[in-house]
């Protein structure tokens, strides 16, 4: 399965404590995360190979090994069993091991890859821009497939209805032509414009806002938006928002937004509240869609010129061999 070779976000970095294992799920696979005595994060299948107990119910030893809650077997970072308390002199052979997954941290999140692959993490260019402040918003547990959520993120024509009074108005719903081009990681949409009553936290007037959208992986996307000059209380306001999704099951997802904003003064909760308002307006509509999985056959649902980005995204998923969360 192609999806198993991709990196998926599974938890906030801060949620993985020093001595407490954390249970997460990705691609219907239960996973346990923990930190060793050096603070490095690791991931194993959340099932002890001895008698099947959940390793996430155990503890991390002072030596940085993961201890099973049932019989106290201890596992090193790579999954190898290093100690069986019932047999203190026993040296566990290489076959005594838990299934190990690659794990790393980036963008304030822990990422896991279920199977080896050659694709890197989704790129978020704004991460390296010191002029922008970064913070995360989420997680949100959503009863919708990851591709449905990405497609909604790319869609502008719902602004005047789902986000009326915020990102759109029923009196200004027309979507002008914009450009979409394929990229190695998905697509790039430029020249996207929308009239918005309140395009961001610091808006002082309605504005024409220019968007750029980029799909950076099958379950990740980034938007940048720049409002008209003179319509915000912060001079030179700009922002970039990454959407990172963990596909938990084909029809359930865990969602994070990585915000990069030209604001170093507002408290985190104020910046997060704006994004929270927008996404919780989207969420009930997303969870109402049927089928819950995204149809890749373009004949399954109707499309217009305003849907160019979402149609291109569906073609990209089909060409990439994605099967999880689609139909």
Protein backbone atom coordinates (compact mmCIF):
# COMPACT_ATOMS: atom_id res chain seq x y z
CA UNK A 1 0.00 0.00 0.00
CA UNK A 2 1.50 3.31 -1.12
CA UNK A 3 0.16 5.12 1.93
CA UNK A 4 2.26 3.01 4.32
CA UNK A 5 5.46 4.38 2.76
CA UNK A 6 4.46 8.00 3.46
CA UNK A 7 5.19 10.00 6.60
CA UNK A 8 2.06 10.71 8.66
CA UNK A 9 1.61 13.09 11.61
CA UNK A 10 0.38 11.22 14.67
CA UNK A 11 0.78 13.53 17.69
CA UNK A 12 1.98 16.91 18.90
CA UNK A 13 5.60 16.67 19.98
CA UNK A 14 4.68 18.08 23.38
CA UNK A 15 2.11 15.29 23.85
CA UNK A 16 4.85 12.64 23.99
CA UNK A 17 6.07 12.97 27.56
CA UNK A 18 9.42 11.82 28.93
CA UNK A 19 8.27 8.69 30.78
CA UNK A 20 4.72 8.08 29.56
CA UNK A 21 3.97 6.02 26.44
CA UNK A 22 1.31 7.46 24.12
CA UNK A 23 -1.15 5.42 22.07
CA UNK A 24 -1.95 6.67 18.55
CA UNK A 25 -3.45 5.19 15.39
CA UNK A 26 -2.51 5.60 11.72
CA UNK A 27 -3.78 3.66 8.70
CA UNK A 28 -5.78 1.45 11.12
CA UNK A 29 -2.51 0.46 12.82
CA UNK A 30 -2.26 0.95 16.62
CA UNK A 31 1.11 2.55 17.44
CA UNK A 32 2.82 3.40 20.71
CA UNK A 33 5.13 6.43 20.97
CA UNK A 34 7.67 7.08 23.70
CA UNK A 35 10.89 8.95 24.41
CA UNK A 36 14.13 7.27 25.44
CA UNK A 37 16.50 8.56 28.14
CA UNK A 38 18.03 10.96 25.57
CA UNK A 39 14.64 12.44 24.66
CA UNK A 40 14.49 10.86 21.19
CA UNK A 41 11.04 9.73 20.06
CA UNK A 42 10.37 6.13 18.97
CA UNK A 43 7.43 4.14 17.61
CA UNK A 44 6.44 0.48 17.85
CA UNK A 45 3.30 -1.47 17.06
CA UNK A 46 1.09 -1.14 20.14
CA UNK A 47 1.08 -4.87 20.81
CA UNK A 48 3.51 -6.88 22.87
CA UNK A 49 4.76 -9.87 20.84
CA UNK A 50 4.63 -12.04 23.98
CA UNK A 51 0.89 -12.07 24.84
CA UNK A 52 -0.55 -9.21 22.84
CA UNK A 53 -1.02 -6.61 25.57
CA UNK A 54 -1.02 -2.93 24.64
CA UNK A 55 2.46 -1.58 25.21
CA UNK A 56 1.02 1.93 25.60
CA UNK A 57 -0.39 0.79 28.99
CA UNK A 58 3.15 0.21 30.22
CA UNK A 59 5.89 2.62 31.23
CA UNK A 60 9.27 3.93 30.12
CA UNK A 61 12.10 2.71 32.36
CA UNK A 62 14.80 5.07 33.68
CA UNK A 63 17.10 3.47 31.07
CA UNK A 64 14.76 4.63 28.28
CA UNK A 65 13.27 1.23 27.42
CA UNK A 66 9.58 0.55 26.91
CA UNK A 67 8.17 -1.87 29.46
CA UNK A 68 5.10 -4.04 28.80
CA UNK A 69 2.36 -3.68 31.45
CA UNK A 70 1.61 -7.43 31.50
CA UNK A 71 4.85 -9.33 32.15
CA UNK A 72 7.35 -6.48 32.22
CA UNK A 73 9.22 -7.38 29.05
CA UNK A 74 11.42 -4.44 28.06
CA UNK A 75 12.03 -3.21 24.52
CA UNK A 76 14.78 -1.02 23.12
CA UNK A 77 14.25 1.74 20.55
CA UNK A 78 14.48 -0.61 17.58
CA UNK A 79 11.92 -3.01 19.04
CA UNK A 80 14.36 -5.66 20.32
CA UNK A 81 13.41 -7.26 23.65
CA UNK A 82 16.25 -6.66 26.10
CA UNK A 83 14.88 -8.09 29.36
CA UNK A 84 12.41 -10.79 30.48
CA UNK A 85 11.89 -10.39 34.25
CA UNK A 86 10.65 -13.97 34.71
CA UNK A 87 14.03 -15.20 33.38
CA UNK A 88 16.66 -12.70 34.59
CA UNK A 89 19.59 -14.59 33.01
CA UNK A 90 17.83 -15.10 29.68
CA UNK A 91 19.27 -13.21 26.69
CA UNK A 92 16.38 -12.62 24.26
CA UNK A 93 17.26 -13.64 20.69
CA UNK A 94 16.69 -11.32 17.71
CA UNK A 95 13.30 -12.98 17.07
CA UNK A 96 12.03 -11.60 20.40
CA UNK A 97 11.11 -8.16 19.10
CA UNK A 98 8.18 -5.82 18.62
CA UNK A 99 7.40 -4.34 15.22
CA UNK A 100 9.33 -1.11 14.80
CA UNK A 101 8.33 1.98 12.79
CA UNK A 102 10.41 4.98 11.75
CA UNK A 103 9.63 8.16 13.69
CA UNK A 104 10.84 11.75 13.58
CA UNK A 105 9.79 15.22 14.68
CA UNK A 106 9.07 18.25 12.51
CA UNK A 107 6.65 21.19 12.48
CA UNK A 108 5.90 20.61 16.17
CA UNK A 109 4.56 17.12 15.40
CA UNK A 110 5.69 13.51 15.63
CA UNK A 111 5.64 11.74 12.26
CA UNK A 112 5.57 7.97 11.69
CA UNK A 113 6.13 5.85 8.59
CA UNK A 114 4.71 2.32 8.66
CA UNK A 115 6.88 0.90 5.84
CA UNK A 116 10.20 2.01 4.30
CA UNK A 117 9.93 4.54 1.49
CA UNK A 118 11.90 7.21 -0.32
CA UNK A 119 9.54 10.17 0.12
CA UNK A 120 10.45 12.84 2.63
CA UNK A 121 8.21 14.82 4.94
CA UNK A 122 5.71 17.24 3.40
CA UNK A 123 7.45 20.56 2.77
CA UNK A 124 6.32 23.70 4.60
CA UNK A 125 8.50 26.47 3.21
CA UNK A 126 7.33 29.03 5.76
CA UNK A 127 8.85 26.95 8.55
CA UNK A 128 12.25 28.42 7.78
CA UNK A 129 11.06 32.04 7.55
CA UNK A 130 12.16 33.85 10.71
CA UNK A 131 9.76 36.70 9.92
CA UNK A 132 6.79 34.42 10.59
CA UNK A 133 5.72 33.02 13.93
CA UNK A 134 4.79 29.32 14.00
CA UNK A 135 2.26 27.52 16.14
CA UNK A 136 -0.06 24.55 15.83
CA UNK A 137 -3.82 24.34 16.03
CA UNK A 138 -5.48 21.01 16.81
CA UNK A 139 -5.78 18.11 16.83
CA UNK A 140 -9.30 17.73 15.47
CA UNK A 141 -10.82 14.28 15.21
CA UNK A 142 -13.01 14.29 12.13
CA UNK A 143 -15.44 11.67 10.83
CA UNK A 144 -14.34 12.20 7.25
CA UNK A 145 -11.64 10.79 4.99
CA UNK A 146 -8.32 12.62 4.72
CA UNK A 147 -8.80 13.31 0.97
CA UNK A 148 -12.23 14.89 1.60
CA UNK A 149 -10.59 17.24 4.12
CA UNK A 150 -7.77 18.18 1.72
CA UNK A 151 -10.25 18.86 -1.06
CA UNK A 152 -12.25 21.16 1.21
CA UNK A 153 -9.04 23.03 2.05
CA UNK A 154 -8.46 23.66 -1.67
CA UNK A 155 -12.03 24.84 -2.29
CA UNK A 156 -12.90 28.56 -2.41
CA UNK A 157 -16.46 28.45 -3.67
CA UNK A 158 -17.83 27.39 -0.25
CA UNK A 159 -16.51 30.53 1.49
CA UNK A 160 -19.69 32.58 1.07
CA UNK A 161 -21.87 29.85 2.55
CA UNK A 162 -19.92 27.86 5.15
CA UNK A 163 -17.85 30.89 6.27
CA UNK A 164 -20.36 33.67 5.67
CA UNK A 165 -19.30 36.89 7.37
CA UNK A 166 -15.77 35.59 7.80
CA UNK A 167 -14.09 34.31 4.63
CA UNK A 168 -16.96 35.07 2.30
CA UNK A 169 -20.34 36.61 1.60
CA UNK A 170 -23.42 35.40 -0.26
CA UNK A 171 -23.28 38.67 -2.22
CA UNK A 172 -19.77 37.96 -3.54
CA UNK A 173 -19.51 34.27 -4.43
CA UNK A 174 -18.08 34.43 -7.96
CA UNK A 175 -14.75 32.64 -8.40
CA UNK A 176 -12.53 34.05 -11.12
CA UNK A 177 -10.29 31.92 -13.27
CA UNK A 178 -7.09 30.66 -11.67
CA UNK A 179 -4.16 28.48 -12.69
CA UNK A 180 -3.51 24.89 -11.63
CA UNK A 181 -0.37 22.99 -12.55
CA UNK A 182 0.85 19.55 -11.50
CA UNK A 183 3.93 19.22 -9.30
CA UNK A 184 5.92 16.18 -8.14
CA UNK A 185 4.12 16.29 -4.78
CA UNK A 186 0.64 17.14 -6.04
CA UNK A 187 -0.37 20.49 -7.48
CA UNK A 188 0.08 24.25 -7.32
CA UNK A 189 -2.87 26.64 -7.72
CA UNK A 190 -2.07 30.35 -8.22
CA UNK A 191 -4.01 33.52 -8.96
CA UNK A 192 -6.82 32.42 -6.63
CA UNK A 193 -8.81 35.41 -5.37
CA UNK A 194 -11.70 35.77 -2.95
CA UNK A 195 -13.53 38.72 -1.40
CA UNK A 196 -13.55 38.30 2.36
CA UNK A 197 -15.29 40.31 5.10
CA UNK A 198 -12.72 39.18 7.70
CA UNK A 199 -9.80 37.42 6.13
CA UNK A 200 -7.72 37.16 9.32
CA UNK A 201 -7.60 37.98 13.01
CA UNK A 202 -6.40 41.55 12.38
CA UNK A 203 -8.75 42.53 9.54
CA UNK A 204 -10.04 46.10 9.74
CA UNK A 205 -11.99 46.05 6.47
CA UNK A 206 -13.29 43.64 3.87
CA UNK A 207 -10.62 42.79 1.34
CA UNK A 208 -9.80 41.05 -1.90
CA UNK A 209 -7.43 38.29 -0.81
CA UNK A 210 -5.04 36.42 -3.06
CA UNK A 211 -4.43 32.77 -2.28
CA UNK A 212 -1.86 30.25 -3.40
CA UNK A 213 -2.56 26.58 -2.73
CA UNK A 214 -0.09 23.72 -2.88
CA UNK A 215 -0.65 20.01 -2.30
CA UNK A 216 2.61 18.83 -0.75
CA UNK A 217 1.71 15.15 -0.19
CA UNK A 218 -1.43 13.02 -0.63
CA UNK A 219 -2.68 14.07 2.81
CA UNK A 220 -1.00 17.47 3.23
CA UNK A 221 -1.49 20.92 1.72
CA UNK A 222 -0.42 24.53 2.25
CA UNK A 223 -2.14 27.83 1.55
CA UNK A 224 -0.68 31.32 1.62
CA UNK A 225 -2.88 34.37 1.63
CA UNK A 226 -2.16 38.06 1.27
CA UNK A 227 -4.98 40.62 1.74
CA UNK A 228 -5.14 44.02 0.06
CA UNK A 229 -2.83 46.60 1.59
CA UNK A 230 -4.44 48.76 4.25
CA UNK A 231 -7.07 46.22 5.32
CA UNK A 232 -5.33 44.85 8.42
CA UNK A 233 -4.16 46.35 11.69
CA UNK A 234 -0.75 44.74 11.15
CA UNK A 235 1.31 46.30 8.37
CA UNK A 236 2.56 43.77 5.83
CA UNK A 237 0.31 41.03 7.16
CA UNK A 238 0.76 37.68 5.49
CA UNK A 239 0.23 34.13 6.57
CA UNK A 240 0.85 30.59 5.48
CA UNK A 241 -1.16 27.66 6.81
CA UNK A 242 -0.21 24.00 6.46
CA UNK A 243 -2.82 21.28 6.79
CA UNK A 244 -1.39 17.99 8.06
CA UNK A 245 -3.71 14.98 8.32
CA UNK A 246 -3.29 11.59 9.93
CA UNK A 247 -5.50 9.05 8.13
CA UNK A 248 -6.70 7.00 11.12
CA UNK A 249 -9.17 4.86 9.17
CA UNK A 250 -10.47 5.29 5.61
CA UNK A 251 -13.26 7.52 6.99
CA UNK A 252 -11.77 8.99 10.19
CA UNK A 253 -8.93 11.50 10.39
CA UNK A 254 -6.93 13.50 12.91
CA UNK A 255 -6.15 17.03 11.72
CA UNK A 256 -3.58 19.69 12.61
CA UNK A 257 -2.99 23.15 11.19
CA UNK A 258 0.50 24.66 11.32
CA UNK A 259 0.17 28.45 11.32
CA UNK A 260 2.96 30.76 10.16
CA UNK A 261 1.88 34.36 10.69
CA UNK A 262 3.41 37.85 10.74
CA UNK A 263 2.32 38.37 14.34
CA UNK A 264 4.67 37.99 17.30
CA UNK A 265 2.45 39.88 19.76
CA UNK A 266 -0.93 38.13 19.98
CA UNK A 267 -1.24 35.24 22.46
CA UNK A 268 -1.32 31.73 21.02
CA UNK A 269 -4.92 31.12 22.02
CA UNK A 270 -6.12 34.21 20.15
CA UNK A 271 -4.42 33.14 16.92
CA UNK A 272 -5.63 29.56 17.36
CA UNK A 273 -9.20 30.72 18.06
CA UNK A 274 -9.57 32.25 14.60
CA UNK A 275 -8.44 29.05 12.88
CA UNK A 276 -10.63 27.02 15.25
CA UNK A 277 -13.67 29.06 14.27
CA UNK A 278 -13.04 28.49 10.57
CA UNK A 279 -12.45 24.75 10.81
CA UNK A 280 -15.36 24.05 13.13
CA UNK A 281 -17.56 25.71 10.51
CA UNK A 282 -16.18 23.24 7.95
CA UNK A 283 -16.33 20.14 10.14
CA UNK A 284 -20.09 19.40 10.21
CA UNK A 285 -20.32 19.83 6.44
CA UNK A 286 -17.33 17.55 5.90
CA UNK A 287 -18.86 14.91 8.18
CA UNK A 288 -22.15 15.09 6.25
CA UNK A 289 -20.65 14.21 2.86
CA UNK A 290 -21.46 10.89 1.24
CA UNK A 291 -19.68 8.83 0.30
CA UNK A 292 -17.26 9.57 3.12
CA UNK A 293 -14.37 8.43 0.93
CA UNK A 294 -13.39 10.70 -1.96
CA UNK A 295 -14.48 9.37 -5.38
CA UNK A 296 -11.57 9.37 -7.82
CA UNK A 297 -13.74 8.69 -10.86
CA UNK A 298 -14.51 12.22 -12.03
CA UNK A 299 -17.88 10.98 -13.30
CA UNK A 300 -19.02 10.10 -9.78
CA UNK A 301 -19.71 13.74 -8.81
CA UNK A 302 -20.31 16.91 -10.82
CA UNK A 303 -17.58 19.46 -11.44
CA UNK A 304 -17.29 23.04 -12.75
CA UNK A 305 -14.42 25.34 -13.71
CA UNK A 306 -14.44 26.62 -10.11
CA UNK A 307 -13.42 23.09 -9.01
CA UNK A 308 -10.21 22.89 -11.06
CA UNK A 309 -7.97 22.41 -8.03
CA UNK A 310 -10.04 19.62 -6.51
CA UNK A 311 -10.35 17.83 -9.84
CA UNK A 312 -6.57 18.01 -10.26
CA UNK A 313 -6.14 16.68 -6.72
CA UNK A 314 -8.32 13.65 -7.52
CA UNK A 315 -6.28 12.96 -10.64
CA UNK A 316 -3.07 13.19 -8.61
CA UNK A 317 -4.34 10.67 -6.04
CA UNK A 318 -5.35 8.23 -8.77
CA UNK A 319 -2.03 8.57 -10.57
CA UNK A 320 -0.16 8.11 -7.27
CA UNK A 321 -1.91 4.84 -6.52
CA UNK A 322 -3.58 6.11 -3.34
CA UNK A 323 -6.26 3.71 -2.09
CA UNK A 324 -6.85 4.76 1.56
CA UNK A 325 -9.75 7.15 2.02
CA UNK A 326 -10.80 7.08 -1.64
CA UNK A 327 -13.31 5.09 -3.65
